[in-house]
Amino acid sequence: MPASASVEAKAKAKAKAKAKAKAKAKAKAKAKAKAKAKAKAKAKAKAKAKAKAKAKAKAKAKAKAKAKAPDRLRRCGRRAGRPLT
């Protein structure tokens, strides 16, 4: 009987170790996925900020160009509804 108990204990220990390794692998995979998602979100936020800055710069340049335009263009442009003479 003692030999049988020893084999049983070994099998139990082996199963426990296997379960521990499986749990460790699962945790590692979860952490990796979380890090990947975080990096993706960070990249998305960075791209959004870059696009916003680009749009702001474009609007600023447009306003500057509009302010520099001759008075005649501002008064007689397409938006004013009168043709340029």
PDB file of N, CA and C in Angstrom:
ATOM      1  N   MET A   1       0.783  -1.211   0.000  1.00  0.00           N
ATOM      2  CA  MET A   1       0.000   0.000   0.000  1.00  0.00           C
ATOM      3  C   MET A   1       0.826   1.278   0.000  1.00  0.00           C
ATOM      4  N   PRO A   2       1.872   1.341   0.734  1.00  0.00           N
ATOM      5  CA  PRO A   2       2.658   2.571   0.757  1.00  0.00           C
ATOM      6  C   PRO A   2       3.160   2.967  -0.638  1.00  0.00           C
ATOM      7  N   ALA A   3       3.512   1.985  -1.462  1.00  0.00           N
ATOM      8  CA  ALA A   3       4.001   2.276  -2.817  1.00  0.00           C
ATOM      9  C   ALA A   3       2.887   2.912  -3.648  1.00  0.00           C
ATOM     10  N   SER A   4       1.691   2.404  -3.497  1.00  0.00           N
ATOM     11  CA  SER A   4       0.538   2.929  -4.227  1.00  0.00           C
ATOM     12  C   SER A   4       0.246   4.371  -3.812  1.00  0.00           C
ATOM     13  N   ALA A   5       0.380   4.638  -2.534  1.00  0.00           N
ATOM     14  CA  ALA A   5       0.139   5.982  -2.007  1.00  0.00           C
ATOM     15  C   ALA A   5       1.180   6.951  -2.555  1.00  0.00           C
ATOM     16  N   SER A   6       2.401   6.462  -2.681  1.00  0.00           N
ATOM     17  CA  SER A   6       3.494   7.289  -3.198  1.00  0.00           C
ATOM     18  C   SER A   6       3.237   7.662  -4.663  1.00  0.00           C
ATOM     19  N   VAL A   7       2.766   6.693  -5.435  1.00  0.00           N
ATOM     20  CA  VAL A   7       2.459   6.926  -6.847  1.00  0.00           C
ATOM     21  C   VAL A   7       1.313   7.924  -6.963  1.00  0.00           C
ATOM     22  N   GLU A   8       0.348   7.744  -6.094  1.00  0.00           N
ATOM     23  CA  GLU A   8      -0.813   8.642  -6.082  1.00  0.00           C
ATOM     24  C   GLU A   8      -0.394  10.073  -5.725  1.00  0.00           C
ATOM     25  N   ALA A   9       0.488  10.197  -4.750  1.00  0.00           N
ATOM     26  CA  ALA A   9       0.976  11.511  -4.321  1.00  0.00           C
ATOM     27  C   ALA A   9       1.763  12.176  -5.446  1.00  0.00           C
ATOM     28  N   LYS A  10       2.561  11.368  -6.141  1.00  0.00           N
ATOM     29  CA  LYS A  10       3.355  11.886  -7.268  1.00  0.00           C
ATOM     30  C   LYS A  10       2.431  12.410  -8.372  1.00  0.00           C
ATOM     31  N   ALA A  11       1.397  11.641  -8.647  1.00  0.00           N
ATOM     32  CA  ALA A  11       0.442  12.020  -9.690  1.00  0.00           C
ATOM     33  C   ALA A  11      -0.282  13.309  -9.299  1.00  0.00           C
ATOM     34  N   LYS A  12      -0.618  13.392  -8.018  1.00  0.00           N
ATOM     35  CA  LYS A  12      -1.300  14.573  -7.495  1.00  0.00           C
ATOM     36  C   LYS A  12      -0.395  15.811  -7.626  1.00  0.00           C
ATOM     37  N   ALA A  13       0.874  15.636  -7.275  1.00  0.00           N
ATOM     38  CA  ALA A  13       1.840  16.734  -7.342  1.00  0.00           C
ATOM     39  C   ALA A  13       2.047  17.175  -8.791  1.00  0.00           C
ATOM     40  N   LYS A  14       2.090  16.183  -9.673  1.00  0.00           N
ATOM     41  CA  LYS A  14       2.281  16.459 -11.100  1.00  0.00           C
ATOM     42  C   LYS A  14       1.092  17.261 -11.652  1.00  0.00           C
ATOM     43  N   ALA A  15      -0.099  16.853 -11.256  1.00  0.00           N
ATOM     44  CA  ALA A  15      -1.316  17.539 -11.701  1.00  0.00           C
ATOM     45  C   ALA A  15      -1.357  18.966 -11.162  1.00  0.00           C
ATOM     46  N   LYS A  16      -0.911  19.116  -9.909  1.00  0.00           N
ATOM     47  CA  LYS A  16      -0.890  20.431  -9.273  1.00  0.00           C
ATOM     48  C   LYS A  16       0.091  21.362 -10.006  1.00  0.00           C
ATOM     49  N   ALA A  17       1.250  20.810 -10.341  1.00  0.00           N
ATOM     50  CA  ALA A  17       2.272  21.584 -11.049  1.00  0.00           C
ATOM     51  C   ALA A  17       1.779  21.983 -12.440  1.00  0.00           C
ATOM     52  N   LYS A  18       1.080  21.050 -13.080  1.00  0.00           N
ATOM     53  CA  LYS A  18       0.540  21.302 -14.418  1.00  0.00           C
ATOM     54  C   LYS A  18      -0.502  22.429 -14.363  1.00  0.00           C
ATOM     55  N   ALA A  19      -1.351  22.378 -13.354  1.00  0.00           N
ATOM     56  CA  ALA A  19      -2.390  23.394 -13.184  1.00  0.00           C
ATOM     57  C   ALA A  19      -1.767  24.761 -12.897  1.00  0.00           C
ATOM     58  N   LYS A  20      -0.692  24.747 -12.100  1.00  0.00           N
ATOM     59  CA  LYS A  20       0.007  25.983 -11.749  1.00  0.00           C
ATOM     60  C   LYS A  20       0.644  26.603 -12.999  1.00  0.00           C
ATOM     61  N   ALA A  21       1.248  25.755 -13.815  1.00  0.00           N
ATOM     62  CA  ALA A  21       1.889  26.216 -15.047  1.00  0.00           C
ATOM     63  C   ALA A  21       0.851  26.778 -16.015  1.00  0.00           C
ATOM     64  N   LYS A  22      -0.297  26.109 -16.073  1.00  0.00           N
ATOM     65  CA  LYS A  22      -1.383  26.543 -16.954  1.00  0.00           C
ATOM     66  C   LYS A  22      -1.906  27.914 -16.515  1.00  0.00           C
ATOM     67  N   ALA A  23      -2.063  28.082 -15.209  1.00  0.00           N
ATOM     68  CA  ALA A  23      -2.550  29.346 -14.661  1.00  0.00           C
ATOM     69  C   ALA A  23      -1.545  30.470 -14.927  1.00  0.00           C
ATOM     70  N   LYS A  24      -0.258  30.132 -14.803  1.00  0.00           N
ATOM     71  CA  LYS A  24       0.804  31.111 -15.037  1.00  0.00           C
ATOM     72  C   LYS A  24       0.805  31.553 -16.503  1.00  0.00           C
ATOM     73  N   ALA A  25       0.641  30.592 -17.395  1.00  0.00           N
ATOM     74  CA  ALA A  25       0.611  30.883 -18.831  1.00  0.00           C
ATOM     75  C   ALA A  25      -0.601  31.743 -19.180  1.00  0.00           C
ATOM     76  N   LYS A  26      -1.725  31.433 -18.539  1.00  0.00           N
ATOM     77  CA  LYS A  26      -2.962  32.181 -18.775  1.00  0.00           C
ATOM     78  C   LYS A  26      -2.798  33.632 -18.315  1.00  0.00           C
ATOM     79  N   ALA A  27      -2.179  33.811 -17.153  1.00  0.00           N
ATOM     80  CA  ALA A  27      -1.957  35.148 -16.606  1.00  0.00           C
ATOM     81  C   ALA A  27      -1.011  35.944 -17.501  1.00  0.00           C
ATOM     82  N   LYS A  28       0.002  35.257 -18.013  1.00  0.00           N
ATOM     83  CA  LYS A  28       0.983  35.897 -18.894  1.00  0.00           C
ATOM     84  C   LYS A  28       0.312  36.356 -20.194  1.00  0.00           C
ATOM     85  N   ALA A  29      -0.538  35.502 -20.735  1.00  0.00           N
ATOM     86  CA  ALA A  29      -1.250  35.826 -21.973  1.00  0.00           C
ATOM     87  C   ALA A  29      -2.198  37.005 -21.755  1.00  0.00           C
ATOM     88  N   LYS A  30      -2.849  37.014 -20.595  1.00  0.00           N
ATOM     89  CA  LYS A  30      -3.781  38.087 -20.255  1.00  0.00           C
ATOM     90  C   LYS A  30      -3.036  39.419 -20.134  1.00  0.00           C
ATOM     91  N   ALA A  31      -1.870  39.379 -19.480  1.00  0.00           N
ATOM     92  CA  ALA A  31      -1.065  40.585 -19.303  1.00  0.00           C
ATOM     93  C   ALA A  31      -0.572  41.108 -20.650  1.00  0.00           C
ATOM     94  N   LYS A  32      -0.198  40.179 -21.524  1.00  0.00           N
ATOM     95  CA  LYS A  32       0.295  40.546 -22.855  1.00  0.00           C
ATOM     96  C   LYS A  32      -0.818  41.217 -23.667  1.00  0.00           C
ATOM     97  N   ALA A  33      -2.014  40.644 -23.585  1.00  0.00           N
ATOM     98  CA  ALA A  33      -3.163  41.199 -24.308  1.00  0.00           C
ATOM     99  C   ALA A  33      -3.514  42.587 -23.781  1.00  0.00           C
ATOM    100  N   LYS A  34      -3.425  42.745 -22.463  1.00  0.00           N
ATOM    101  CA  LYS A  34      -3.730  44.025 -21.826  1.00  0.00           C
ATOM    102  C   LYS A  34      -2.726  45.090 -22.276  1.00  0.00           C
ATOM    103  N   ALA A  35      -1.454  44.710 -22.316  1.00  0.00           N
ATOM    104  CA  ALA A  35      -0.397  45.634 -22.734  1.00  0.00           C
ATOM    105  C   ALA A  35      -0.581  46.032 -24.195  1.00  0.00           C
ATOM    106  N   LYS A  36      -0.975  45.061 -25.010  1.00  0.00           N
ATOM    107  CA  LYS A  36      -1.190  45.307 -26.437  1.00  0.00           C
ATOM    108  C   LYS A  36      -2.349  46.294 -26.630  1.00  0.00           C
ATOM    109  N   ALA A  37      -3.419  46.086 -25.872  1.00  0.00           N
ATOM    110  CA  ALA A  37      -4.591  46.962 -25.959  1.00  0.00           C
ATOM    111  C   ALA A  37      -4.240  48.379 -25.502  1.00  0.00           C
ATOM    112  N   LYS A  38      -3.420  48.458 -24.463  1.00  0.00           N
ATOM    113  CA  LYS A  38      -3.005  49.755 -23.925  1.00  0.00           C
ATOM    114  C   LYS A  38      -2.164  50.506 -24.962  1.00  0.00           C
ATOM    115  N   ALA A  39      -1.262  49.782 -25.609  1.00  0.00           N
ATOM    116  CA  ALA A  39      -0.403  50.383 -26.633  1.00  0.00           C
ATOM    117  C   ALA A  39      -1.232  50.864 -27.820  1.00  0.00           C
ATOM    118  N   LYS A  40      -2.236  50.067 -28.175  1.00  0.00           N
ATOM    119  CA  LYS A  40      -3.115  50.414 -29.298  1.00  0.00           C
ATOM    120  C   LYS A  40      -3.899  51.692 -28.977  1.00  0.00           C
ATOM    121  N   ALA A  41      -4.406  51.767 -27.752  1.00  0.00           N
ATOM    122  CA  ALA A  41      -5.173  52.937 -27.322  1.00  0.00           C
ATOM    123  C   ALA A  41      -4.289  54.181 -27.298  1.00  0.00           C
ATOM    124  N   LYS A  42      -3.041  53.997 -26.863  1.00  0.00           N
ATOM    125  CA  LYS A  42      -2.096  55.110 -26.791  1.00  0.00           C
ATOM    126  C   LYS A  42      -1.790  55.626 -28.200  1.00  0.00           C
ATOM    127  N   ALA A  43      -1.593  54.702 -29.122  1.00  0.00           N
ATOM    128  CA  ALA A  43      -1.300  55.065 -30.512  1.00  0.00           C
ATOM    129  C   ALA A  43      -2.484  55.794 -31.139  1.00  0.00           C
ATOM    130  N   LYS A  44      -3.682  55.319 -30.816  1.00  0.00           N
ATOM    131  CA  LYS A  44      -4.906  55.927 -31.347  1.00  0.00           C
ATOM    132  C   LYS A  44      -5.050  57.361 -30.824  1.00  0.00           C
ATOM    133  N   ALA A  45      -4.780  57.537 -29.537  1.00  0.00           N
ATOM    134  CA  ALA A  45      -4.879  58.860 -28.920  1.00  0.00           C
ATOM    135  C   ALA A  45      -3.845  59.810 -29.521  1.00  0.00           C
ATOM    136  N   LYS A  46      -2.649  59.279 -29.769  1.00  0.00           N
ATOM    137  CA  LYS A  46      -1.572  60.079 -30.354  1.00  0.00           C
ATOM    138  C   LYS A  46      -1.951  60.530 -31.767  1.00  0.00           C
ATOM    139  N   ALA A  47      -2.519  59.612 -32.530  1.00  0.00           N
ATOM    140  CA  ALA A  47      -2.935  59.918 -33.903  1.00  0.00           C
ATOM    141  C   ALA A  47      -4.050  60.961 -33.905  1.00  0.00           C
ATOM    142  N   LYS A  48      -4.971  60.823 -32.945  1.00  0.00           N
ATOM    143  CA  LYS A  48      -6.092  61.759 -32.833  1.00  0.00           C
ATOM    144  C   LYS A  48      -5.575  63.161 -32.501  1.00  0.00           C
ATOM    145  N   ALA A  49      -4.617  63.225 -31.576  1.00  0.00           N
ATOM    146  CA  ALA A  49      -4.042  64.508 -31.176  1.00  0.00           C
ATOM    147  C   ALA A  49      -3.296  65.150 -32.343  1.00  0.00           C
ATOM    148  N   LYS A  50      -2.603  64.318 -33.099  1.00  0.00           N
ATOM    149  CA  LYS A  50      -1.844  64.806 -34.256  1.00  0.00           C
ATOM    150  C   LYS A  50      -2.794  65.379 -35.309  1.00  0.00           C
ATOM    151  N   ALA A  51      -3.891  64.668 -35.545  1.00  0.00           N
ATOM    152  CA  ALA A  51      -4.887  65.111 -36.526  1.00  0.00           C
ATOM    153  C   ALA A  51      -5.525  66.426 -36.082  1.00  0.00           C
ATOM    154  N   LYS A  52      -5.785  66.525 -34.786  1.00  0.00           N
ATOM    155  CA  LYS A  52      -6.398  67.734 -34.226  1.00  0.00           C
ATOM    156  C   LYS A  52      -5.454  68.924 -34.394  1.00  0.00           C
ATOM    157  N   ALA A  53      -4.172  68.697 -34.119  1.00  0.00           N
ATOM    158  CA  ALA A  53      -3.173  69.754 -34.248  1.00  0.00           C
ATOM    159  C   ALA A  53      -3.037  70.191 -35.703  1.00  0.00           C
ATOM    160  N   LYS A  54      -3.097  69.214 -36.603  1.00  0.00           N
ATOM    161  CA  LYS A  54      -2.988  69.496 -38.037  1.00  0.00           C
ATOM    162  C   LYS A  54      -4.177  70.346 -38.500  1.00  0.00           C
ATOM    163  N   ALA A  55      -5.370  69.976 -38.030  1.00  0.00           N
ATOM    164  CA  ALA A  55      -6.587  70.706 -38.394  1.00  0.00           C
ATOM    165  C   ALA A  55      -6.530  72.137 -37.855  1.00  0.00           C
ATOM    166  N   LYS A  56      -6.003  72.269 -36.637  1.00  0.00           N
ATOM    167  CA  LYS A  56      -5.894  73.584 -36.007  1.00  0.00           C
ATOM    168  C   LYS A  56      -4.923  74.466 -36.802  1.00  0.00           C
ATOM    169  N   ALA A  57      -3.805  73.877 -37.209  1.00  0.00           N
ATOM    170  CA  ALA A  57      -2.801  74.611 -37.982  1.00  0.00           C
ATOM    171  C   ALA A  57      -3.362  75.030 -39.337  1.00  0.00           C
ATOM    172  N   LYS A  58      -4.145  74.129 -39.932  1.00  0.00           N
ATOM    173  CA  LYS A  58      -4.755  74.408 -41.237  1.00  0.00           C
ATOM    174  C   LYS A  58      -5.741  75.573 -41.117  1.00  0.00           C
ATOM    175  N   ALA A  59      -6.544  75.541 -40.065  1.00  0.00           N
ATOM    176  CA  ALA A  59      -7.533  76.598 -39.839  1.00  0.00           C
ATOM    177  C   ALA A  59      -6.837  77.936 -39.599  1.00  0.00           C
ATOM    178  N   LYS A  60      -5.729  77.879 -38.861  1.00  0.00           N
ATOM    179  CA  LYS A  60      -4.975  79.089 -38.559  1.00  0.00           C
ATOM    180  C   LYS A  60      -4.382  79.680 -39.847  1.00  0.00           C
ATOM    181  N   ALA A  61      -3.842  78.803 -40.684  1.00  0.00           N
ATOM    182  CA  ALA A  61      -3.247  79.233 -41.952  1.00  0.00           C
ATOM    183  C   ALA A  61      -4.312  79.829 -42.871  1.00  0.00           C
ATOM    184  N   LYS A  62      -5.486  79.202 -42.855  1.00  0.00           N
ATOM    185  CA  LYS A  62      -6.593  79.670 -43.689  1.00  0.00           C
ATOM    186  C   LYS A  62      -7.041  81.063 -43.236  1.00  0.00           C
ATOM    187  N   ALA A  63      -7.133  81.240 -41.934  1.00  0.00           N
ATOM    188  CA  ALA A  63      -7.552  82.526 -41.378  1.00  0.00           C
ATOM    189  C   ALA A  63      -6.527  83.607 -41.709  1.00  0.00           C
ATOM    190  N   LYS A  64      -5.256  83.225 -41.634  1.00  0.00           N
ATOM    191  CA  LYS A  64      -4.174  84.164 -41.927  1.00  0.00           C
ATOM    192  C   LYS A  64      -4.224  84.582 -43.400  1.00  0.00           C
ATOM    193  N   ALA A  65      -4.455  83.605 -44.274  1.00  0.00           N
ATOM    194  CA  ALA A  65      -4.531  83.874 -45.712  1.00  0.00           C
ATOM    195  C   ALA A  65      -5.729  84.759 -46.030  1.00  0.00           C
ATOM    196  N   LYS A  66      -6.821  84.490 -45.334  1.00  0.00           N
ATOM    197  CA  LYS A  66      -8.051  85.259 -45.545  1.00  0.00           C
ATOM    198  C   LYS A  66      -7.835  86.709 -45.110  1.00  0.00           C
ATOM    199  N   ALA A  67      -7.123  86.870 -43.998  1.00  0.00           N
ATOM    200  CA  ALA A  67      -6.864  88.214 -43.481  1.00  0.00           C
ATOM    201  C   ALA A  67      -5.922  88.978 -44.407  1.00  0.00           C
ATOM    202  N   LYS A  68      -5.022  88.245 -45.042  1.00  0.00           N
ATOM    203  CA  LYS A  68      -4.052  88.863 -45.949  1.00  0.00           C
ATOM    204  C   LYS A  68      -4.658  89.204 -47.312  1.00  0.00           C
ATOM    205  N   ALA A  69      -5.758  88.526 -47.653  1.00  0.00           N
ATOM    206  CA  ALA A  69      -6.369  88.718 -48.973  1.00  0.00           C
ATOM    207  C   ALA A  69      -6.790  90.168 -49.163  1.00  0.00           C
ATOM    208  N   PRO A  70      -6.706  90.652 -50.400  1.00  0.00           N
ATOM    209  CA  PRO A  70      -7.126  92.038 -50.652  1.00  0.00           C
ATOM    210  C   PRO A  70      -8.598  92.234 -50.294  1.00  0.00           C
ATOM    211  N   ASP A  71      -8.924  93.453 -49.940  1.00  0.00           N
ATOM    212  CA  ASP A  71     -10.281  93.797 -49.526  1.00  0.00           C
ATOM    213  C   ASP A  71     -11.288  93.455 -50.622  1.00  0.00           C
ATOM    214  N   ARG A  72     -10.879  93.666 -51.860  1.00  0.00           N
ATOM    215  CA  ARG A  72     -11.763  93.406 -53.002  1.00  0.00           C
ATOM    216  C   ARG A  72     -12.181  91.935 -53.029  1.00  0.00           C
ATOM    217  N   LEU A  73     -11.235  91.041 -52.764  1.00  0.00           N
ATOM    218  CA  LEU A  73     -11.540  89.608 -52.770  1.00  0.00           C
ATOM    219  C   LEU A  73     -12.518  89.254 -51.661  1.00  0.00           C
ATOM    220  N   ARG A  74     -12.352  89.912 -50.520  1.00  0.00           N
ATOM    221  CA  ARG A  74     -13.242  89.625 -49.406  1.00  0.00           C
ATOM    222  C   ARG A  74     -14.651  90.151 -49.663  1.00  0.00           C
ATOM    223  N   ARG A  75     -14.744  91.280 -50.326  1.00  0.00           N
ATOM    224  CA  ARG A  75     -16.047  91.883 -50.582  1.00  0.00           C
ATOM    225  C   ARG A  75     -16.742  91.282 -51.802  1.00  0.00           C
ATOM    226  N   CYS A  76     -15.954  90.866 -52.787  1.00  0.00           N
ATOM    227  CA  CYS A  76     -16.547  90.413 -54.043  1.00  0.00           C
ATOM    228  C   CYS A  76     -16.296  88.931 -54.333  1.00  0.00           C
ATOM    229  N   GLY A  77     -15.926  88.190 -53.347  1.00  0.00           N
ATOM    230  CA  GLY A  77     -15.628  86.772 -53.570  1.00  0.00           C
ATOM    231  C   GLY A  77     -16.866  85.947 -53.822  1.00  0.00           C
ATOM    232  N   ARG A  78     -16.651  84.664 -54.006  1.00  0.00           N
ATOM    233  CA  ARG A  78     -17.752  83.736 -54.258  1.00  0.00           C
ATOM    234  C   ARG A  78     -18.772  83.771 -53.133  1.00  0.00           C
ATOM    235  N   ARG A  79     -18.291  83.816 -51.923  1.00  0.00           N
ATOM    236  CA  ARG A  79     -19.176  83.780 -50.763  1.00  0.00           C
ATOM    237  C   ARG A  79     -19.978  85.079 -50.632  1.00  0.00           C
ATOM    238  N   ALA A  80     -19.427  86.179 -51.128  1.00  0.00           N
ATOM    239  CA  ALA A  80     -20.122  87.465 -51.032  1.00  0.00           C
ATOM    240  C   ALA A  80     -21.295  87.523 -52.008  1.00  0.00           C
ATOM    241  N   GLY A  81     -21.264  86.663 -53.007  1.00  0.00           N
ATOM    242  CA  GLY A  81     -22.371  86.618 -53.954  1.00  0.00           C
ATOM    243  C   GLY A  81     -22.220  87.578 -55.124  1.00  0.00           C
ATOM    244  N   ARG A  82     -21.134  88.350 -55.118  1.00  0.00           N
ATOM    245  CA  ARG A  82     -20.902  89.276 -56.229  1.00  0.00           C
ATOM    246  C   ARG A  82     -19.692  88.807 -57.021  1.00  0.00           C
ATOM    247  N   PRO A  83     -19.729  88.919 -58.327  1.00  0.00           N
ATOM    248  CA  PRO A  83     -18.587  88.470 -59.132  1.00  0.00           C
ATOM    249  C   PRO A  83     -17.408  89.421 -59.010  1.00  0.00           C
ATOM    250  N   LEU A  84     -16.224  88.875 -59.212  1.00  0.00           N
ATOM    251  CA  LEU A  84     -15.025  89.711 -59.195  1.00  0.00           C
ATOM    252  C   LEU A  84     -15.016  90.559 -60.458  1.00  0.00           C
ATOM    253  N   THR A  85     -14.629  91.808 -60.334  1.00  0.00           N
ATOM    254  CA  THR A  85     -14.595  92.692 -61.516  1.00  0.00           C
ATOM    255  C   THR A  85     -13.163  92.947 -61.921  1.00  0.00           C
TER     256      THR A  85
END
